[in-house]
PDB file of N, CA and C in Angstrom:
ATOM      1  N   VAL A   1     -70.287  20.915   7.100  1.00  0.00           N
ATOM      2  CA  VAL A   1     -69.061  20.528   7.774  1.00  0.00           C
ATOM      3  C   VAL A   1     -67.910  20.864   6.834  1.00  0.00           C
ATOM      4  N   GLU A   2     -66.941  21.605   7.351  1.00  0.00           N
ATOM      5  CA  GLU A   2     -65.752  21.960   6.582  1.00  0.00           C
ATOM      6  C   GLU A   2     -64.510  21.615   7.386  1.00  0.00           C
ATOM      7  N   VAL A   3     -63.451  21.232   6.701  1.00  0.00           N
ATOM      8  CA  VAL A   3     -62.169  20.971   7.358  1.00  0.00           C
ATOM      9  C   VAL A   3     -61.563  22.311   7.753  1.00  0.00           C
ATOM     10  N   SER A   4     -61.063  22.396   8.976  1.00  0.00           N
ATOM     11  CA  SER A   4     -60.390  23.602   9.445  1.00  0.00           C
ATOM     12  C   SER A   4     -59.090  23.791   8.674  1.00  0.00           C
ATOM     13  N   GLN A   5     -58.826  25.015   8.251  1.00  0.00           N
ATOM     14  CA  GLN A   5     -57.565  25.306   7.563  1.00  0.00           C
ATOM     15  C   GLN A   5     -56.421  25.440   8.554  1.00  0.00           C
ATOM     16  N   ALA A   6     -56.749  25.712   9.812  1.00  0.00           N
ATOM     17  CA  ALA A   6     -55.719  25.900  10.834  1.00  0.00           C
ATOM     18  C   ALA A   6     -55.209  24.570  11.395  1.00  0.00           C
ATOM     19  N   GLU A   7     -56.118  23.615  11.605  1.00  0.00           N
ATOM     20  CA  GLU A   7     -55.767  22.328  12.213  1.00  0.00           C
ATOM     21  C   GLU A   7     -56.404  21.198  11.401  1.00  0.00           C
ATOM     22  N   ALA A   8     -55.601  20.257  10.943  1.00  0.00           N
ATOM     23  CA  ALA A   8     -56.103  19.167  10.100  1.00  0.00           C
ATOM     24  C   ALA A   8     -57.063  18.233  10.833  1.00  0.00           C
ATOM     25  N   ASP A   9     -56.969  18.164  12.166  1.00  0.00           N
ATOM     26  CA  ASP A   9     -57.837  17.259  12.929  1.00  0.00           C
ATOM     27  C   ASP A   9     -59.058  17.969  13.499  1.00  0.00           C
ATOM     28  N   GLN A  10     -59.361  19.152  12.976  1.00  0.00           N
ATOM     29  CA  GLN A  10     -60.541  19.898  13.417  1.00  0.00           C
ATOM     30  C   GLN A  10     -61.471  20.162  12.229  1.00  0.00           C
ATOM     31  N   PHE A  11     -62.756  20.232  12.554  1.00  0.00           N
ATOM     32  CA  PHE A  11     -63.770  20.515  11.547  1.00  0.00           C
ATOM     33  C   PHE A  11     -64.649  21.660  12.038  1.00  0.00           C
ATOM     34  N   ILE A  12     -65.136  22.457  11.109  1.00  0.00           N
ATOM     35  CA  ILE A  12     -66.026  23.564  11.430  1.00  0.00           C
ATOM     36  C   ILE A  12     -67.435  23.152  11.030  1.00  0.00           C
ATOM     37  N   ILE A  13     -68.338  23.221  11.986  1.00  0.00           N
ATOM     38  CA  ILE A  13     -69.755  22.947  11.729  1.00  0.00           C
ATOM     39  C   ILE A  13     -70.426  24.307  11.526  1.00  0.00           C
ATOM     40  N   ILE A  14     -71.135  24.465  10.412  1.00  0.00           N
ATOM     41  CA  ILE A  14     -71.799  25.722  10.092  1.00  0.00           C
ATOM     42  C   ILE A  14     -73.281  25.453   9.892  1.00  0.00           C
ATOM     43  N   LEU A  15     -74.110  26.157  10.659  1.00  0.00           N
ATOM     44  CA  LEU A  15     -75.566  26.058  10.531  1.00  0.00           C
ATOM     45  C   LEU A  15     -76.088  27.427  10.111  1.00  0.00           C
ATOM     46  N   GLU A  16     -76.746  27.495   8.965  1.00  0.00           N
ATOM     47  CA  GLU A  16     -77.350  28.738   8.503  1.00  0.00           C
ATOM     48  C   GLU A  16     -78.839  28.670   8.815  1.00  0.00           C
ATOM     49  N   LEU A  17     -79.317  29.655   9.576  1.00  0.00           N
ATOM     50  CA  LEU A  17     -80.698  29.659  10.047  1.00  0.00           C
ATOM     51  C   LEU A  17     -81.573  30.522   9.148  1.00  0.00           C
ATOM     52  N   ASP A  18     -82.788  30.065   8.881  1.00  0.00           N
ATOM     53  CA  ASP A  18     -83.777  30.895   8.206  1.00  0.00           C
ATOM     54  C   ASP A  18     -84.363  31.850   9.225  1.00  0.00           C
ATOM     55  N   GLY A  19     -84.842  32.970   8.790  1.00  0.00           N
ATOM     56  CA  GLY A  19     -85.497  33.893   9.701  1.00  0.00           C
ATOM     57  C   GLY A  19     -84.662  35.103  10.058  1.00  0.00           C
ATOM     58  N   GLY A  20     -83.415  35.151   9.645  1.00  0.00           N
ATOM     59  CA  GLY A  20     -82.589  36.330   9.880  1.00  0.00           C
ATOM     60  C   GLY A  20     -82.277  36.574  11.332  1.00  0.00           C
ATOM     61  N   ASP A  21     -81.888  37.802  11.649  1.00  0.00           N
ATOM     62  CA  ASP A  21     -81.466  38.159  12.998  1.00  0.00           C
ATOM     63  C   ASP A  21     -82.616  38.238  13.993  1.00  0.00           C
ATOM     64  N   GLY A  22     -83.844  38.388  13.523  1.00  0.00           N
ATOM     65  CA  GLY A  22     -84.957  38.594  14.431  1.00  0.00           C
ATOM     66  C   GLY A  22     -85.449  37.351  15.153  1.00  0.00           C
ATOM     67  N   SER A  23     -85.069  36.178  14.699  1.00  0.00           N
ATOM     68  CA  SER A  23     -85.570  34.956  15.326  1.00  0.00           C
ATOM     69  C   SER A  23     -84.689  34.519  16.484  1.00  0.00           C
ATOM     70  N   LEU A  24     -85.254  33.701  17.347  1.00  0.00           N
ATOM     71  CA  LEU A  24     -84.496  33.177  18.477  1.00  0.00           C
ATOM     72  C   LEU A  24     -83.483  32.144  18.002  1.00  0.00           C
ATOM     73  N   SER A  25     -82.348  32.148  18.626  1.00  0.00           N
ATOM     74  CA  SER A  25     -81.291  31.199  18.283  1.00  0.00           C
ATOM     75  C   SER A  25     -81.545  29.884  19.014  1.00  0.00           C
ATOM     76  N   PRO A  26     -81.458  28.736  18.327  1.00  0.00           N
ATOM     77  CA  PRO A  26     -81.655  27.458  19.006  1.00  0.00           C
ATOM     78  C   PRO A  26     -80.525  27.199  20.001  1.00  0.00           C
ATOM     79  N   ALA A  27     -80.840  26.480  21.060  1.00  0.00           N
ATOM     80  CA  ALA A  27     -79.852  26.178  22.108  1.00  0.00           C
ATOM     81  C   ALA A  27     -79.166  24.840  21.878  1.00  0.00           C
ATOM     82  N   ALA A  28     -79.785  23.964  21.063  1.00  0.00           N
ATOM     83  CA  ALA A  28     -79.219  22.625  20.884  1.00  0.00           C
ATOM     84  C   ALA A  28     -79.538  22.081  19.503  1.00  0.00           C
ATOM     85  N   LEU A  29     -78.646  21.233  19.031  1.00  0.00           N
ATOM     86  CA  LEU A  29     -78.861  20.453  17.819  1.00  0.00           C
ATOM     87  C   LEU A  29     -79.084  19.012  18.270  1.00  0.00           C
ATOM     88  N   VAL A  30     -80.227  18.460  17.890  1.00  0.00           N
ATOM     89  CA  VAL A  30     -80.551  17.078  18.242  1.00  0.00           C
ATOM     90  C   VAL A  30     -80.433  16.249  16.965  1.00  0.00           C
ATOM     91  N   LEU A  31     -79.578  15.240  17.005  1.00  0.00           N
ATOM     92  CA  LEU A  31     -79.370  14.353  15.858  1.00  0.00           C
ATOM     93  C   LEU A  31     -79.832  12.957  16.239  1.00  0.00           C
ATOM     94  N   CYS A  32     -80.747  12.413  15.429  1.00  0.00           N
ATOM     95  CA  CYS A  32     -81.286  11.079  15.688  1.00  0.00           C
ATOM     96  C   CYS A  32     -80.783  10.136  14.593  1.00  0.00           C
ATOM     97  N   ASP A  33     -80.141   9.046  15.010  1.00  0.00           N
ATOM     98  CA  ASP A  33     -79.562   8.107  14.047  1.00  0.00           C
ATOM     99  C   ASP A  33     -80.623   7.163  13.488  1.00  0.00           C
ATOM    100  N   ARG A  34     -80.199   6.259  12.648  1.00  0.00           N
ATOM    101  CA  ARG A  34     -81.116   5.325  11.971  1.00  0.00           C
ATOM    102  C   ARG A  34     -81.847   4.401  12.944  1.00  0.00           C
ATOM    103  N   ASP A  35     -81.294   4.216  14.148  1.00  0.00           N
ATOM    104  CA  ASP A  35     -81.925   3.369  15.168  1.00  0.00           C
ATOM    105  C   ASP A  35     -82.769   4.181  16.138  1.00  0.00           C
ATOM    106  N   ASP A  36     -83.062   5.433  15.784  1.00  0.00           N
ATOM    107  CA  ASP A  36     -83.856   6.357  16.605  1.00  0.00           C
ATOM    108  C   ASP A  36     -83.213   6.677  17.946  1.00  0.00           C
ATOM    109  N   ARG A  37     -81.889   6.567  18.023  1.00  0.00           N
ATOM    110  CA  ARG A  37     -81.166   7.051  19.206  1.00  0.00           C
ATOM    111  C   ARG A  37     -80.837   8.508  18.946  1.00  0.00           C
ATOM    112  N   CYS A  38     -81.249   9.356  19.873  1.00  0.00           N
ATOM    113  CA  CYS A  38     -81.042  10.788  19.686  1.00  0.00           C
ATOM    114  C   CYS A  38     -79.911  11.292  20.580  1.00  0.00           C
ATOM    115  N   HIS A  39     -79.131  12.187  20.019  1.00  0.00           N
ATOM    116  CA  HIS A  39     -77.970  12.761  20.700  1.00  0.00           C
ATOM    117  C   HIS A  39     -78.136  14.273  20.667  1.00  0.00           C
ATOM    118  N   ARG A  40     -77.940  14.900  21.824  1.00  0.00           N
ATOM    119  CA  ARG A  40     -78.137  16.349  21.948  1.00  0.00           C
ATOM    120  C   ARG A  40     -76.779  17.036  22.053  1.00  0.00           C
ATOM    121  N   PHE A  41     -76.581  18.065  21.223  1.00  0.00           N
ATOM    122  CA  PHE A  41     -75.342  18.828  21.213  1.00  0.00           C
ATOM    123  C   PHE A  41     -75.669  20.295  21.471  1.00  0.00           C
ATOM    124  N   PRO A  42     -75.117  20.891  22.528  1.00  0.00           N
ATOM    125  CA  PRO A  42     -75.371  22.309  22.804  1.00  0.00           C
ATOM    126  C   PRO A  42     -74.762  23.177  21.705  1.00  0.00           C
ATOM    127  N   LEU A  43     -75.426  24.286  21.424  1.00  0.00           N
ATOM    128  CA  LEU A  43     -74.973  25.194  20.369  1.00  0.00           C
ATOM    129  C   LEU A  43     -74.572  26.546  20.940  1.00  0.00           C
ATOM    130  N   PRO A  44     -73.561  27.174  20.342  1.00  0.00           N
ATOM    131  CA  PRO A  44     -73.254  28.559  20.709  1.00  0.00           C
ATOM    132  C   PRO A  44     -74.313  29.467  20.089  1.00  0.00           C
ATOM    133  N   GLY A  45     -74.326  30.713  20.471  1.00  0.00           N
ATOM    134  CA  GLY A  45     -75.276  31.666  19.926  1.00  0.00           C
ATOM    135  C   GLY A  45     -75.032  31.939  18.448  1.00  0.00           C
ATOM    136  N   ALA A  46     -76.088  32.347  17.769  1.00  0.00           N
ATOM    137  CA  ALA A  46     -75.999  32.678  16.350  1.00  0.00           C
ATOM    138  C   ALA A  46     -75.502  34.108  16.183  1.00  0.00           C
ATOM    139  N   HIS A  47     -74.826  34.336  15.074  1.00  0.00           N
ATOM    140  CA  HIS A  47     -74.398  35.682  14.692  1.00  0.00           C
ATOM    141  C   HIS A  47     -74.867  35.916  13.262  1.00  0.00           C
ATOM    142  N   ARG A  48     -75.793  36.850  13.113  1.00  0.00           N
ATOM    143  CA  ARG A  48     -76.366  37.171  11.800  1.00  0.00           C
ATOM    144  C   ARG A  48     -76.950  35.931  11.119  1.00  0.00           C
ATOM    145  N   GLY A  49     -77.631  35.125  11.914  1.00  0.00           N
ATOM    146  CA  GLY A  49     -78.306  33.956  11.378  1.00  0.00           C
ATOM    147  C   GLY A  49     -77.410  32.757  11.100  1.00  0.00           C
ATOM    148  N   VAL A  50     -76.165  32.791  11.600  1.00  0.00           N
ATOM    149  CA  VAL A  50     -75.232  31.683  11.372  1.00  0.00           C
ATOM    150  C   VAL A  50     -74.652  31.219  12.700  1.00  0.00           C
ATOM    151  N   ILE A  51     -74.650  29.910  12.912  1.00  0.00           N
ATOM    152  CA  ILE A  51     -74.012  29.299  14.073  1.00  0.00           C
ATOM    153  C   ILE A  51     -72.795  28.530  13.566  1.00  0.00           C
ATOM    154  N   GLN A  52     -71.639  28.794  14.173  1.00  0.00           N
ATOM    155  CA  GLN A  52     -70.410  28.093  13.792  1.00  0.00           C
ATOM    156  C   GLN A  52     -69.721  27.584  15.048  1.00  0.00           C
ATOM    157  N   PHE A  53     -69.188  26.369  14.979  1.00  0.00           N
ATOM    158  CA  PHE A  53     -68.376  25.865  16.082  1.00  0.00           C
ATOM    159  C   PHE A  53     -67.400  24.827  15.546  1.00  0.00           C
ATOM    160  N   ILE A  54     -66.325  24.627  16.282  1.00  0.00           N
ATOM    161  CA  ILE A  54     -65.254  23.721  15.880  1.00  0.00           C
ATOM    162  C   ILE A  54     -65.330  22.448  16.705  1.00  0.00           C
ATOM    163  N   VAL A  55     -65.126  21.310  16.040  1.00  0.00           N
ATOM    164  CA  VAL A  55     -65.077  20.016  16.722  1.00  0.00           C
ATOM    165  C   VAL A  55     -63.810  19.280  16.300  1.00  0.00           C
ATOM    166  N   GLN A  56     -63.377  18.353  17.145  1.00  0.00           N
ATOM    167  CA  GLN A  56     -62.229  17.510  16.836  1.00  0.00           C
ATOM    168  C   GLN A  56     -62.665  16.369  15.901  1.00  0.00           C
ATOM    169  N   ALA A  57     -61.708  15.779  15.210  1.00  0.00           N
ATOM    170  CA  ALA A  57     -61.995  14.719  14.244  1.00  0.00           C
ATOM    171  C   ALA A  57     -62.691  13.513  14.863  1.00  0.00           C
ATOM    172  N   ASP A  58     -62.483  13.280  16.166  1.00  0.00           N
ATOM    173  CA  ASP A  58     -63.097  12.122  16.817  1.00  0.00           C
ATOM    174  C   ASP A  58     -64.406  12.464  17.535  1.00  0.00           C
ATOM    175  N   ASP A  59     -64.943  13.651  17.312  1.00  0.00           N
ATOM    176  CA  ASP A  59     -66.188  14.066  17.964  1.00  0.00           C
ATOM    177  C   ASP A  59     -67.346  13.200  17.457  1.00  0.00           C
ATOM    178  N   PRO A  60     -68.236  12.738  18.340  1.00  0.00           N
ATOM    179  CA  PRO A  60     -69.347  11.881  17.930  1.00  0.00           C
ATOM    180  C   PRO A  60     -70.365  12.560  17.014  1.00  0.00           C
ATOM    181  N   ILE A  61     -70.321  13.871  16.893  1.00  0.00           N
ATOM    182  CA  ILE A  61     -71.252  14.572  16.017  1.00  0.00           C
ATOM    183  C   ILE A  61     -70.949  14.317  14.542  1.00  0.00           C
ATOM    184  N   LEU A  62     -69.678  14.099  14.196  1.00  0.00           N
ATOM    185  CA  LEU A  62     -69.298  13.993  12.785  1.00  0.00           C
ATOM    186  C   LEU A  62     -69.905  12.796  12.059  1.00  0.00           C
ATOM    187  N   PRO A  63     -69.842  11.568  12.599  1.00  0.00           N
ATOM    188  CA  PRO A  63     -70.469  10.457  11.865  1.00  0.00           C
ATOM    189  C   PRO A  63     -71.980  10.644  11.709  1.00  0.00           C
ATOM    190  N   LEU A  64     -72.605  11.269  12.686  1.00  0.00           N
ATOM    191  CA  LEU A  64     -74.045  11.519  12.582  1.00  0.00           C
ATOM    192  C   LEU A  64     -74.346  12.503  11.461  1.00  0.00           C
ATOM    193  N   LEU A  65     -73.550  13.562  11.350  1.00  0.00           N
ATOM    194  CA  LEU A  65     -73.768  14.553  10.295  1.00  0.00           C
ATOM    195  C   LEU A  65     -73.444  13.995   8.911  1.00  0.00           C
ATOM    196  N   ARG A  66     -72.533  13.066   8.836  1.00  0.00           N
ATOM    197  CA  ARG A  66     -72.144  12.478   7.547  1.00  0.00           C
ATOM    198  C   ARG A  66     -73.142  11.428   7.052  1.00  0.00           C
ATOM    199  N   ASP A  67     -73.958  10.903   7.938  1.00  0.00           N
ATOM    200  CA  ASP A  67     -74.922   9.857   7.571  1.00  0.00           C
ATOM    201  C   ASP A  67     -76.196  10.504   7.027  1.00  0.00           C
ATOM    202  N   PRO A  68     -76.557  10.241   5.751  1.00  0.00           N
ATOM    203  CA  PRO A  68     -77.771  10.841   5.193  1.00  0.00           C
ATOM    204  C   PRO A  68     -79.053  10.364   5.874  1.00  0.00           C
ATOM    205  N   GLY A  69     -78.982   9.287   6.666  1.00  0.00           N
ATOM    206  CA  GLY A  69     -80.153   8.788   7.378  1.00  0.00           C
ATOM    207  C   GLY A  69     -80.386   9.468   8.719  1.00  0.00           C
ATOM    208  N   THR A  70     -79.490  10.366   9.118  1.00  0.00           N
ATOM    209  CA  THR A  70     -79.630  11.078  10.388  1.00  0.00           C
ATOM    210  C   THR A  70     -80.685  12.172  10.257  1.00  0.00           C
ATOM    211  N   GLU A  71     -81.547  12.262  11.258  1.00  0.00           N
ATOM    212  CA  GLU A  71     -82.552  13.325  11.317  1.00  0.00           C
ATOM    213  C   GLU A  71     -82.016  14.419  12.237  1.00  0.00           C
ATOM    214  N   ALA A  72     -82.085  15.667  11.783  1.00  0.00           N
ATOM    215  CA  ALA A  72     -81.568  16.798  12.550  1.00  0.00           C
ATOM    216  C   ALA A  72     -82.708  17.701  12.976  1.00  0.00           C
ATOM    217  N   LEU A  73     -82.687  18.098  14.252  1.00  0.00           N
ATOM    218  CA  LEU A  73     -83.686  19.001  14.814  1.00  0.00           C
ATOM    219  C   LEU A  73     -82.983  20.110  15.578  1.00  0.00           C
ATOM    220  N   LEU A  74     -83.478  21.316  15.459  1.00  0.00           N
ATOM    221  CA  LEU A  74     -82.967  22.440  16.249  1.00  0.00           C
ATOM    222  C   LEU A  74     -83.951  22.706  17.363  1.00  0.00           C
ATOM    223  N   ARG A  75     -83.450  22.827  18.576  1.00  0.00           N
ATOM    224  CA  ARG A  75     -84.306  23.063  19.759  1.00  0.00           C
ATOM    225  C   ARG A  75     -83.840  24.288  20.497  1.00  0.00           C
TER     226      ARG A  75
END
């Protein structure tokens, strides 16, 4: 997670995938919190093994990504 240089209330989520360009790109990021509640977030396509997307500061994905107890799955 990086702060956007263009907008202070936006963050850039960057996912680097193993497997290079030949592997299938995941369609969703599933984040499960400490209470085993899972939240599904659709993903854009990967480009050269990297998925990037912008979220607003109040997006529910941010607290989940900041919590070290969150489990992340790519589907």
